[in-house]
């Protein structure tokens, strides 16, 4: 997988950056630096092309995911994370996912399939990736950034994702905005405050 690794201090956590549709591995670097410049960064480019745009998994139509491809890509991403941890020497127990839109959806899918992939996950404008039984997510903290007027990720998706992750014992904080499907400054400040707790 095409990616960027930025080492700051291997004793600190590592951000896993997962861009939205049409983005690449550079999109969220500034955001990660704003949130916590002392953390390492592993930023990954999605390998699926949709009309020339990078994505992490295929979709059948807007809001309808190709679940077979989603599951396969989820397992491939987990294998890549494990390999990168060995190659770069960061601690797999202290990974913080930071995903936006399509990137948030693949991060959510990782949570739906693995109990120990993330210490924390920041999901900005995610949808419910798949409906299946979740592993026990005790000890995992999740920030969901949602918008009440998001045309791509309806509010009921954010509410349902919150409920599903909470029922799997994750510690979930659901933050609401009114900024459509974009990442707002107030949303980022909320994430930064959440990370400090």
N, C-alpha and C. Protein backbone atom coordinates (compact mmCIF):
# COMPACT_ATOMS: atom_id res chain seq x y z
N UNK A 1 0.84 -1.20 0.00
CA UNK A 1 0.00 0.00 0.00
C UNK A 1 0.87 1.25 0.00
N UNK A 2 0.51 2.20 -0.83
CA UNK A 2 1.25 3.47 -0.83
C UNK A 2 0.93 4.20 0.48
N UNK A 3 1.97 4.73 1.10
CA UNK A 3 1.77 5.34 2.41
C UNK A 3 2.92 6.28 2.74
N UNK A 4 2.72 7.02 3.82
CA UNK A 4 3.76 7.87 4.39
C UNK A 4 3.88 7.50 5.86
N UNK A 5 5.11 7.33 6.33
CA UNK A 5 5.33 7.17 7.77
C UNK A 5 6.21 8.31 8.26
N UNK A 6 5.73 9.00 9.29
CA UNK A 6 6.49 10.08 9.91
C UNK A 6 6.75 9.71 11.36
N UNK A 7 8.01 9.50 11.68
CA UNK A 7 8.38 9.12 13.05
C UNK A 7 8.66 10.36 13.87
N UNK A 8 8.00 10.47 15.01
CA UNK A 8 8.28 11.52 15.97
C UNK A 8 8.95 10.93 17.20
N UNK A 9 8.25 10.03 17.86
CA UNK A 9 8.78 9.35 19.05
C UNK A 9 8.05 8.01 19.13
N UNK A 10 8.78 6.92 19.00
CA UNK A 10 8.15 5.60 18.96
C UNK A 10 7.53 5.18 20.29
N UNK A 11 7.82 5.95 21.33
CA UNK A 11 7.15 5.68 22.61
C UNK A 11 5.78 6.35 22.68
N UNK A 12 5.49 7.23 21.72
CA UNK A 12 4.19 7.89 21.66
C UNK A 12 3.25 7.11 20.74
N UNK A 13 1.95 7.38 20.83
CA UNK A 13 0.99 6.73 19.92
C UNK A 13 1.26 7.08 18.46
N UNK A 14 0.64 6.32 17.59
CA UNK A 14 0.75 6.54 16.15
C UNK A 14 -0.64 6.77 15.55
N UNK A 15 -0.78 7.87 14.82
CA UNK A 15 -2.02 8.11 14.07
C UNK A 15 -2.02 7.23 12.82
N UNK A 16 -3.14 6.59 12.55
CA UNK A 16 -3.37 5.94 11.26
C UNK A 16 -4.33 6.84 10.49
N UNK A 17 -3.85 7.48 9.43
CA UNK A 17 -4.65 8.44 8.68
C UNK A 17 -5.29 7.76 7.47
N UNK A 18 -6.62 7.95 7.36
CA UNK A 18 -7.39 7.31 6.29
C UNK A 18 -8.27 8.37 5.63
N UNK A 19 -7.92 8.75 4.42
CA UNK A 19 -8.54 9.88 3.70
C UNK A 19 -9.95 9.55 3.22
N UNK A 20 -10.64 10.58 2.77
CA UNK A 20 -11.95 10.41 2.17
C UNK A 20 -11.85 10.13 0.68
N UNK A 21 -12.99 9.87 0.05
CA UNK A 21 -13.03 9.57 -1.39
C UNK A 21 -12.36 10.70 -2.19
N UNK A 22 -11.43 10.30 -3.05
CA UNK A 22 -10.74 11.27 -3.90
C UNK A 22 -9.50 11.85 -3.27
N UNK A 23 -9.22 11.49 -2.03
CA UNK A 23 -8.04 12.01 -1.34
C UNK A 23 -6.83 11.11 -1.55
N UNK A 24 -5.78 11.41 -0.81
CA UNK A 24 -4.59 10.55 -0.83
C UNK A 24 -3.90 10.63 0.52
N UNK A 25 -2.71 10.04 0.58
CA UNK A 25 -2.02 9.90 1.86
C UNK A 25 -1.51 11.22 2.43
N UNK A 26 -1.62 12.31 1.69
CA UNK A 26 -1.17 13.61 2.20
C UNK A 26 -2.31 14.45 2.78
N UNK A 27 -3.54 14.05 2.51
CA UNK A 27 -4.69 14.89 2.84
C UNK A 27 -4.80 15.26 4.32
N UNK A 28 -4.57 14.32 5.21
CA UNK A 28 -4.84 14.53 6.63
C UNK A 28 -3.60 14.79 7.46
N UNK A 29 -2.45 14.98 6.81
CA UNK A 29 -1.21 15.19 7.56
C UNK A 29 -1.28 16.46 8.41
N UNK A 30 -1.78 17.55 7.83
CA UNK A 30 -1.88 18.80 8.57
C UNK A 30 -2.84 18.69 9.74
N UNK A 31 -3.91 17.94 9.53
CA UNK A 31 -4.90 17.74 10.59
C UNK A 31 -4.26 16.99 11.77
N UNK A 32 -3.51 15.93 11.45
CA UNK A 32 -2.85 15.16 12.51
C UNK A 32 -1.85 16.03 13.27
N UNK A 33 -1.12 16.86 12.55
CA UNK A 33 -0.14 17.74 13.21
C UNK A 33 -0.85 18.74 14.12
N UNK A 34 -2.00 19.23 13.68
CA UNK A 34 -2.78 20.15 14.50
C UNK A 34 -3.26 19.47 15.78
N UNK A 35 -3.70 18.24 15.66
CA UNK A 35 -4.26 17.53 16.82
C UNK A 35 -3.18 17.15 17.83
N UNK A 36 -2.07 16.62 17.34
CA UNK A 36 -1.01 16.20 18.26
C UNK A 36 0.29 16.03 17.46
N UNK A 37 1.13 17.08 17.41
CA UNK A 37 2.35 17.03 16.60
C UNK A 37 3.40 16.04 17.11
N UNK A 38 3.25 15.56 18.33
CA UNK A 38 4.26 14.66 18.89
C UNK A 38 3.97 13.19 18.59
N UNK A 39 2.85 12.92 17.93
CA UNK A 39 2.52 11.53 17.60
C UNK A 39 3.11 11.14 16.25
N UNK A 40 3.46 9.88 16.11
CA UNK A 40 3.89 9.34 14.83
C UNK A 40 2.68 9.28 13.90
N UNK A 41 2.96 9.19 12.61
CA UNK A 41 1.89 9.17 11.62
C UNK A 41 2.15 8.07 10.59
N UNK A 42 1.14 7.23 10.38
CA UNK A 42 1.12 6.29 9.26
C UNK A 42 -0.10 6.65 8.43
N UNK A 43 0.13 7.20 7.25
CA UNK A 43 -0.96 7.67 6.39
C UNK A 43 -1.02 6.81 5.14
N UNK A 44 -2.19 6.26 4.85
CA UNK A 44 -2.33 5.24 3.81
C UNK A 44 -3.21 5.75 2.67
N UNK A 45 -2.86 5.36 1.45
CA UNK A 45 -3.69 5.67 0.28
C UNK A 45 -4.58 4.47 -0.05
N UNK A 46 -5.87 4.72 -0.25
CA UNK A 46 -6.78 3.66 -0.66
C UNK A 46 -6.41 3.13 -2.04
N UNK A 47 -6.59 1.82 -2.22
CA UNK A 47 -6.13 1.18 -3.45
C UNK A 47 -7.23 1.00 -4.50
N UNK A 48 -8.46 1.35 -4.17
CA UNK A 48 -9.57 1.23 -5.11
C UNK A 48 -9.72 2.54 -5.88
N UNK A 49 -9.97 2.43 -7.18
CA UNK A 49 -10.22 3.62 -8.01
C UNK A 49 -11.70 3.67 -8.40
N UNK A 50 -12.30 4.82 -8.19
CA UNK A 50 -13.68 5.04 -8.63
C UNK A 50 -13.69 6.33 -9.45
N UNK A 51 -13.82 6.18 -10.76
CA UNK A 51 -13.74 7.33 -11.66
C UNK A 51 -12.48 8.16 -11.42
N UNK A 52 -11.39 7.44 -11.20
CA UNK A 52 -10.10 8.09 -10.98
C UNK A 52 -9.84 8.54 -9.55
N UNK A 53 -10.82 8.36 -8.67
CA UNK A 53 -10.68 8.81 -7.27
C UNK A 53 -10.28 7.63 -6.38
N UNK A 54 -9.37 7.91 -5.44
CA UNK A 54 -8.93 6.88 -4.50
C UNK A 54 -10.00 6.60 -3.44
N UNK A 55 -10.22 5.32 -3.18
CA UNK A 55 -11.11 4.88 -2.11
C UNK A 55 -10.50 3.66 -1.44
N UNK A 56 -11.02 3.32 -0.26
CA UNK A 56 -10.51 2.16 0.46
C UNK A 56 -11.27 0.89 0.14
N UNK A 57 -12.48 0.99 -0.41
CA UNK A 57 -13.24 -0.19 -0.84
C UNK A 57 -14.28 0.26 -1.86
N UNK A 58 -14.80 -0.71 -2.58
CA UNK A 58 -15.77 -0.41 -3.63
C UNK A 58 -17.16 -0.14 -3.04
N UNK A 59 -17.95 0.58 -3.79
CA UNK A 59 -19.35 0.75 -3.43
C UNK A 59 -20.20 0.49 -4.68
N UNK A 60 -21.41 0.06 -4.44
CA UNK A 60 -22.34 -0.24 -5.53
C UNK A 60 -22.99 1.04 -6.03
N UNK A 61 -23.33 1.91 -5.09
CA UNK A 61 -23.87 3.23 -5.40
C UNK A 61 -23.64 4.11 -4.18
N UNK A 62 -24.04 5.37 -4.24
CA UNK A 62 -23.87 6.28 -3.11
C UNK A 62 -24.53 5.70 -1.87
N UNK A 63 -23.75 5.45 -0.83
CA UNK A 63 -24.28 4.93 0.43
C UNK A 63 -24.52 3.43 0.46
N UNK A 64 -24.24 2.73 -0.65
CA UNK A 64 -24.43 1.28 -0.70
C UNK A 64 -23.06 0.64 -0.95
N UNK A 65 -22.56 -0.06 0.05
CA UNK A 65 -21.21 -0.59 -0.01
C UNK A 65 -21.18 -2.00 -0.61
N UNK A 66 -20.09 -2.32 -1.30
CA UNK A 66 -19.81 -3.68 -1.74
C UNK A 66 -19.23 -4.41 -0.54
N UNK A 67 -20.08 -5.15 0.18
CA UNK A 67 -19.67 -5.70 1.47
C UNK A 67 -18.57 -6.75 1.33
N UNK A 68 -18.58 -7.52 0.26
CA UNK A 68 -17.52 -8.51 0.06
C UNK A 68 -16.18 -7.81 -0.08
N UNK A 69 -16.14 -6.78 -0.90
CA UNK A 69 -14.90 -6.03 -1.08
C UNK A 69 -14.51 -5.31 0.21
N UNK A 70 -15.49 -4.76 0.92
CA UNK A 70 -15.22 -4.08 2.19
C UNK A 70 -14.53 -5.02 3.18
N UNK A 71 -15.06 -6.22 3.32
CA UNK A 71 -14.47 -7.18 4.27
C UNK A 71 -13.06 -7.56 3.84
N UNK A 72 -12.87 -7.84 2.55
CA UNK A 72 -11.53 -8.20 2.06
C UNK A 72 -10.54 -7.07 2.27
N UNK A 73 -10.94 -5.85 1.95
CA UNK A 73 -10.04 -4.70 2.11
C UNK A 73 -9.76 -4.41 3.59
N UNK A 74 -10.74 -4.68 4.45
CA UNK A 74 -10.54 -4.50 5.89
C UNK A 74 -9.43 -5.42 6.39
N UNK A 75 -9.49 -6.69 6.00
CA UNK A 75 -8.46 -7.64 6.42
C UNK A 75 -7.10 -7.29 5.82
N UNK A 76 -7.08 -6.82 4.57
CA UNK A 76 -5.82 -6.42 3.94
C UNK A 76 -5.20 -5.24 4.67
N UNK A 77 -6.04 -4.28 5.08
CA UNK A 77 -5.52 -3.11 5.79
C UNK A 77 -4.96 -3.52 7.15
N UNK A 78 -5.64 -4.44 7.82
CA UNK A 78 -5.14 -4.92 9.11
C UNK A 78 -3.77 -5.59 8.93
N UNK A 79 -3.61 -6.39 7.89
CA UNK A 79 -2.32 -7.02 7.63
C UNK A 79 -1.24 -5.97 7.36
N UNK A 80 -1.61 -4.93 6.62
CA UNK A 80 -0.65 -3.86 6.34
C UNK A 80 -0.23 -3.15 7.62
N UNK A 81 -1.19 -2.86 8.50
CA UNK A 81 -0.87 -2.20 9.77
C UNK A 81 0.12 -3.04 10.57
N UNK A 82 -0.13 -4.34 10.63
CA UNK A 82 0.77 -5.24 11.37
C UNK A 82 2.17 -5.23 10.76
N UNK A 83 2.23 -5.28 9.44
CA UNK A 83 3.54 -5.27 8.75
C UNK A 83 4.26 -3.94 8.97
N UNK A 84 3.52 -2.84 8.90
CA UNK A 84 4.12 -1.52 9.09
C UNK A 84 4.64 -1.36 10.51
N UNK A 85 3.92 -1.91 11.48
CA UNK A 85 4.37 -1.84 12.87
C UNK A 85 5.71 -2.54 13.04
N UNK A 86 5.86 -3.67 12.39
CA UNK A 86 7.14 -4.40 12.45
C UNK A 86 8.24 -3.62 11.73
N UNK A 87 7.90 -3.09 10.56
CA UNK A 87 8.90 -2.39 9.76
C UNK A 87 9.38 -1.10 10.41
N UNK A 88 8.44 -0.32 10.96
CA UNK A 88 8.78 1.00 11.48
C UNK A 88 8.97 1.04 13.00
N UNK A 89 8.55 0.00 13.68
CA UNK A 89 8.83 -0.10 15.11
C UNK A 89 7.87 0.60 16.04
N UNK A 90 6.68 1.01 15.54
CA UNK A 90 5.70 1.64 16.44
C UNK A 90 4.86 0.56 17.14
N UNK A 91 4.29 0.95 18.26
CA UNK A 91 3.55 0.01 19.11
C UNK A 91 2.13 -0.18 18.58
N UNK A 92 1.79 -1.42 18.21
CA UNK A 92 0.46 -1.72 17.70
C UNK A 92 -0.64 -1.50 18.74
N UNK A 93 -0.26 -1.47 20.01
CA UNK A 93 -1.26 -1.30 21.07
C UNK A 93 -1.66 0.17 21.25
N UNK A 94 -0.94 1.06 20.57
CA UNK A 94 -1.22 2.49 20.74
C UNK A 94 -1.40 3.17 19.38
N UNK A 95 -2.35 2.65 18.62
CA UNK A 95 -2.70 3.24 17.32
C UNK A 95 -4.02 3.99 17.46
N UNK A 96 -4.03 5.21 16.92
CA UNK A 96 -5.24 6.04 16.92
C UNK A 96 -5.67 6.24 15.48
N UNK A 97 -6.80 5.66 15.11
CA UNK A 97 -7.31 5.86 13.75
C UNK A 97 -7.85 7.27 13.62
N UNK A 98 -7.59 7.87 12.47
CA UNK A 98 -8.15 9.19 12.14
C UNK A 98 -8.65 9.10 10.71
N UNK A 99 -9.96 8.90 10.57
CA UNK A 99 -10.52 8.69 9.25
C UNK A 99 -11.63 9.66 8.95
N UNK A 100 -11.70 10.06 7.69
CA UNK A 100 -12.76 10.96 7.23
C UNK A 100 -13.56 10.28 6.13
N UNK A 101 -14.89 10.28 6.27
CA UNK A 101 -15.80 9.78 5.24
C UNK A 101 -15.46 8.33 4.87
N UNK A 102 -15.02 8.07 3.65
CA UNK A 102 -14.67 6.70 3.27
C UNK A 102 -13.59 6.12 4.17
N UNK A 103 -12.64 6.96 4.58
CA UNK A 103 -11.61 6.50 5.51
C UNK A 103 -12.16 6.17 6.88
N UNK A 104 -13.16 6.94 7.32
CA UNK A 104 -13.81 6.64 8.60
C UNK A 104 -14.59 5.33 8.50
N UNK A 105 -15.14 5.05 7.32
CA UNK A 105 -15.90 3.81 7.15
C UNK A 105 -15.00 2.58 7.21
N UNK A 106 -13.82 2.63 6.60
CA UNK A 106 -12.91 1.48 6.68
C UNK A 106 -12.36 1.35 8.10
N UNK A 107 -12.15 2.48 8.80
CA UNK A 107 -11.73 2.42 10.20
C UNK A 107 -12.81 1.77 11.06
N UNK A 108 -14.07 2.14 10.80
CA UNK A 108 -15.19 1.53 11.52
C UNK A 108 -15.24 0.03 11.25
N UNK A 109 -15.02 -0.34 10.00
CA UNK A 109 -15.04 -1.76 9.65
C UNK A 109 -13.95 -2.53 10.41
N UNK A 110 -12.79 -1.93 10.58
CA UNK A 110 -11.74 -2.56 11.37
C UNK A 110 -12.22 -2.80 12.81
N UNK A 111 -12.93 -1.82 13.37
CA UNK A 111 -13.48 -2.00 14.72
C UNK A 111 -14.53 -3.11 14.75
N UNK A 112 -15.28 -3.25 13.69
CA UNK A 112 -16.32 -4.29 13.61
C UNK A 112 -15.72 -5.69 13.48
N UNK A 113 -14.45 -5.77 13.08
CA UNK A 113 -13.82 -7.07 12.86
C UNK A 113 -12.73 -7.44 13.86
N UNK A 114 -12.14 -6.45 14.52
CA UNK A 114 -11.00 -6.72 15.41
C UNK A 114 -11.19 -5.97 16.72
N UNK A 115 -10.94 -6.66 17.83
CA UNK A 115 -11.12 -6.04 19.15
C UNK A 115 -9.93 -5.20 19.57
N UNK A 116 -8.77 -5.43 18.95
CA UNK A 116 -7.53 -4.83 19.45
C UNK A 116 -6.78 -4.01 18.41
N UNK A 117 -7.46 -3.59 17.34
CA UNK A 117 -6.73 -2.90 16.27
C UNK A 117 -6.41 -1.46 16.64
N UNK A 118 -7.30 -0.79 17.40
CA UNK A 118 -7.08 0.61 17.78
C UNK A 118 -7.21 0.80 19.28
N UNK A 119 -6.39 1.72 19.80
CA UNK A 119 -6.58 2.20 21.17
C UNK A 119 -7.70 3.24 21.18
N UNK A 120 -7.68 4.09 20.14
CA UNK A 120 -8.71 5.12 19.96
C UNK A 120 -9.02 5.23 18.48
N UNK A 121 -10.21 5.72 18.18
CA UNK A 121 -10.58 5.93 16.78
C UNK A 121 -11.35 7.24 16.66
N UNK A 122 -10.92 8.08 15.73
CA UNK A 122 -11.59 9.34 15.42
C UNK A 122 -12.27 9.15 14.07
N UNK A 123 -13.58 9.06 14.10
CA UNK A 123 -14.36 8.77 12.89
C UNK A 123 -15.12 10.04 12.51
N UNK A 124 -14.70 10.68 11.45
CA UNK A 124 -15.31 11.94 11.02
C UNK A 124 -16.26 11.67 9.85
N UNK A 125 -17.54 11.82 10.12
CA UNK A 125 -18.61 11.62 9.14
C UNK A 125 -18.63 10.19 8.59
N UNK A 126 -18.72 9.21 9.50
CA UNK A 126 -18.78 7.81 9.07
C UNK A 126 -20.22 7.34 8.89
N UNK A 127 -20.36 6.19 8.24
CA UNK A 127 -21.62 5.47 8.17
C UNK A 127 -21.42 4.12 8.86
N UNK A 128 -22.51 3.40 9.09
CA UNK A 128 -22.40 2.03 9.58
C UNK A 128 -21.83 1.20 8.43
N UNK A 129 -20.64 0.60 8.59
CA UNK A 129 -19.98 -0.03 7.45
C UNK A 129 -20.63 -1.35 7.03
N UNK A 130 -21.09 -2.10 8.02
CA UNK A 130 -21.63 -3.43 7.79
C UNK A 130 -22.43 -3.82 9.03
N UNK A 131 -23.37 -4.70 8.87
CA UNK A 131 -24.16 -5.13 10.03
C UNK A 131 -23.79 -6.56 10.39
N UNK A 132 -23.06 -6.69 11.46
CA UNK A 132 -22.59 -7.98 11.94
C UNK A 132 -22.34 -7.88 13.44
N UNK A 133 -22.15 -9.01 14.07
CA UNK A 133 -21.83 -9.00 15.51
C UNK A 133 -20.44 -8.43 15.71
N UNK A 134 -20.33 -7.51 16.67
CA UNK A 134 -19.05 -6.86 16.93
C UNK A 134 -18.26 -7.61 17.99
N UNK A 135 -16.92 -7.50 17.94
CA UNK A 135 -16.11 -8.04 19.04
C UNK A 135 -16.25 -7.16 20.27
N UNK A 136 -15.73 -7.62 21.39
CA UNK A 136 -15.74 -6.83 22.62
C UNK A 136 -14.72 -5.70 22.48
N UNK A 137 -15.22 -4.46 22.52
CA UNK A 137 -14.35 -3.29 22.34
C UNK A 137 -14.06 -2.58 23.66
N UNK A 138 -14.09 -3.31 24.75
CA UNK A 138 -13.74 -2.73 26.05
C UNK A 138 -12.34 -2.13 25.99
N UNK A 139 -12.20 -0.91 26.50
CA UNK A 139 -10.91 -0.24 26.49
C UNK A 139 -10.65 0.60 25.26
N UNK A 140 -11.55 0.55 24.28
CA UNK A 140 -11.39 1.35 23.07
C UNK A 140 -12.25 2.62 23.17
N UNK A 141 -11.65 3.76 22.89
CA UNK A 141 -12.37 5.03 22.91
C UNK A 141 -12.61 5.50 21.48
N UNK A 142 -13.82 5.99 21.21
CA UNK A 142 -14.19 6.39 19.85
C UNK A 142 -14.82 7.78 19.86
N UNK A 143 -14.36 8.63 18.97
CA UNK A 143 -14.97 9.94 18.73
C UNK A 143 -15.68 9.86 17.39
N UNK A 144 -16.98 10.14 17.37
CA UNK A 144 -17.73 10.21 16.12
C UNK A 144 -18.07 11.67 15.85
N UNK A 145 -17.56 12.20 14.76
CA UNK A 145 -17.91 13.56 14.34
C UNK A 145 -19.03 13.47 13.31
N UNK A 146 -20.18 14.05 13.63
CA UNK A 146 -21.35 13.94 12.76
C UNK A 146 -21.95 15.32 12.52
N UNK A 147 -22.79 15.40 11.51
CA UNK A 147 -23.47 16.66 11.21
C UNK A 147 -24.95 16.39 11.00
N UNK A 148 -25.77 17.26 11.57
CA UNK A 148 -27.22 17.09 11.48
C UNK A 148 -27.75 17.39 10.08
N UNK A 149 -26.93 18.00 9.23
CA UNK A 149 -27.36 18.29 7.87
C UNK A 149 -26.38 17.72 6.84
N UNK A 150 -25.83 16.55 7.15
CA UNK A 150 -24.87 15.90 6.26
C UNK A 150 -25.64 15.15 5.17
N UNK A 151 -25.49 15.53 3.89
CA UNK A 151 -26.25 14.88 2.82
C UNK A 151 -25.73 13.50 2.46
N UNK A 152 -24.51 13.17 2.85
CA UNK A 152 -23.91 11.88 2.51
C UNK A 152 -24.01 10.90 3.66
N UNK A 153 -23.84 11.40 4.88
CA UNK A 153 -23.93 10.56 6.07
C UNK A 153 -25.09 11.05 6.92
N UNK A 154 -26.29 10.49 6.74
CA UNK A 154 -27.47 10.95 7.48
C UNK A 154 -27.30 10.79 8.99
N UNK A 155 -27.92 11.66 9.78
CA UNK A 155 -27.79 11.58 11.23
C UNK A 155 -28.13 10.22 11.83
N UNK A 156 -29.12 9.51 11.24
CA UNK A 156 -29.49 8.22 11.80
C UNK A 156 -28.36 7.20 11.69
N UNK A 157 -27.47 7.38 10.69
CA UNK A 157 -26.30 6.50 10.57
C UNK A 157 -25.34 6.73 11.73
N UNK A 158 -25.13 7.99 12.08
CA UNK A 158 -24.23 8.32 13.19
C UNK A 158 -24.79 7.80 14.51
N UNK A 159 -26.09 7.95 14.68
CA UNK A 159 -26.74 7.48 15.91
C UNK A 159 -26.64 5.96 16.02
N UNK A 160 -26.91 5.27 14.91
CA UNK A 160 -26.84 3.81 14.92
C UNK A 160 -25.41 3.32 15.18
N UNK A 161 -24.42 3.97 14.54
CA UNK A 161 -23.03 3.58 14.76
C UNK A 161 -22.64 3.77 16.22
N UNK A 162 -23.07 4.88 16.80
CA UNK A 162 -22.83 5.14 18.22
C UNK A 162 -23.41 4.00 19.07
N UNK A 163 -24.64 3.62 18.77
CA UNK A 163 -25.30 2.56 19.55
C UNK A 163 -24.61 1.22 19.39
N UNK A 164 -24.20 0.89 18.17
CA UNK A 164 -23.55 -0.40 17.92
C UNK A 164 -22.20 -0.49 18.63
N UNK A 165 -21.40 0.56 18.52
CA UNK A 165 -20.09 0.55 19.17
C UNK A 165 -20.22 0.56 20.69
N UNK A 166 -21.18 1.34 21.19
CA UNK A 166 -21.41 1.39 22.64
C UNK A 166 -21.86 0.04 23.17
N UNK A 167 -22.71 -0.65 22.41
CA UNK A 167 -23.19 -1.96 22.85
C UNK A 167 -22.07 -3.00 22.87
N UNK A 168 -20.99 -2.72 22.13
CA UNK A 168 -19.81 -3.60 22.15
C UNK A 168 -18.80 -3.16 23.20
N UNK A 169 -19.23 -2.24 24.09
CA UNK A 169 -18.44 -1.78 25.25
C UNK A 169 -17.37 -0.75 24.91
N UNK A 170 -17.42 -0.17 23.71
CA UNK A 170 -16.52 0.95 23.42
C UNK A 170 -17.01 2.19 24.16
N UNK A 171 -16.08 3.06 24.51
CA UNK A 171 -16.41 4.34 25.14
C UNK A 171 -16.56 5.37 24.01
N UNK A 172 -17.80 5.69 23.64
CA UNK A 172 -18.07 6.50 22.45
C UNK A 172 -18.54 7.89 22.82
N UNK A 173 -17.97 8.89 22.13
CA UNK A 173 -18.43 10.27 22.25
C UNK A 173 -18.93 10.72 20.89
N UNK A 174 -20.20 11.09 20.82
CA UNK A 174 -20.82 11.53 19.57
C UNK A 174 -20.93 13.05 19.58
N UNK A 175 -20.24 13.69 18.64
CA UNK A 175 -20.19 15.15 18.56
C UNK A 175 -20.96 15.61 17.33
N UNK A 176 -21.88 16.57 17.54
CA UNK A 176 -22.72 17.05 16.45
C UNK A 176 -22.29 18.42 15.94
N UNK A 177 -22.38 18.60 14.63
CA UNK A 177 -22.15 19.88 13.97
C UNK A 177 -23.33 20.17 13.04
N UNK A 178 -23.27 21.32 12.38
CA UNK A 178 -24.24 21.68 11.33
C UNK A 178 -23.48 22.18 10.11
N UNK A 179 -22.49 21.39 9.71
CA UNK A 179 -21.56 21.86 8.66
C UNK A 179 -21.55 20.95 7.44
N UNK A 180 -22.62 20.17 7.25
CA UNK A 180 -22.66 19.29 6.10
C UNK A 180 -21.64 18.18 6.20
N UNK A 181 -21.07 17.80 5.05
CA UNK A 181 -20.13 16.67 5.02
C UNK A 181 -18.68 17.15 5.00
N UNK A 182 -18.42 18.24 5.67
CA UNK A 182 -17.03 18.72 5.72
C UNK A 182 -16.56 18.74 7.18
N UNK A 183 -15.25 18.77 7.33
CA UNK A 183 -14.65 18.84 8.67
C UNK A 183 -14.54 20.31 9.05
N UNK A 184 -15.24 20.71 10.10
CA UNK A 184 -15.23 22.11 10.51
C UNK A 184 -14.16 22.37 11.56
N UNK A 185 -13.85 23.63 11.74
CA UNK A 185 -12.85 24.01 12.75
C UNK A 185 -13.32 23.64 14.14
N UNK A 186 -14.60 23.85 14.44
CA UNK A 186 -15.11 23.51 15.78
C UNK A 186 -15.07 22.00 16.00
N UNK A 187 -15.25 21.23 14.94
CA UNK A 187 -15.16 19.77 15.05
C UNK A 187 -13.73 19.35 15.41
N UNK A 188 -12.76 19.96 14.74
CA UNK A 188 -11.36 19.64 15.04
C UNK A 188 -10.99 20.04 16.46
N UNK A 189 -11.50 21.18 16.92
CA UNK A 189 -11.22 21.59 18.30
C UNK A 189 -11.84 20.62 19.29
N UNK A 190 -13.01 20.09 18.95
CA UNK A 190 -13.65 19.08 19.81
C UNK A 190 -12.82 17.81 19.86
N UNK A 191 -12.28 17.41 18.72
CA UNK A 191 -11.40 16.24 18.68
C UNK A 191 -10.16 16.47 19.54
N UNK A 192 -9.58 17.66 19.40
CA UNK A 192 -8.35 17.97 20.15
C UNK A 192 -8.62 17.93 21.65
N UNK A 193 -9.73 18.46 22.09
CA UNK A 193 -10.08 18.41 23.51
C UNK A 193 -10.35 16.99 23.97
N UNK A 194 -10.98 16.20 23.11
CA UNK A 194 -11.26 14.80 23.44
C UNK A 194 -9.97 14.03 23.61
N UNK A 195 -8.98 14.28 22.74
CA UNK A 195 -7.71 13.57 22.82
C UNK A 195 -6.97 13.88 24.13
N UNK A 196 -7.17 15.08 24.65
CA UNK A 196 -6.45 15.48 25.87
C UNK A 196 -6.99 14.78 27.10
N UNK A 197 -8.22 14.27 27.04
CA UNK A 197 -8.84 13.66 28.23
C UNK A 197 -8.25 12.29 28.51
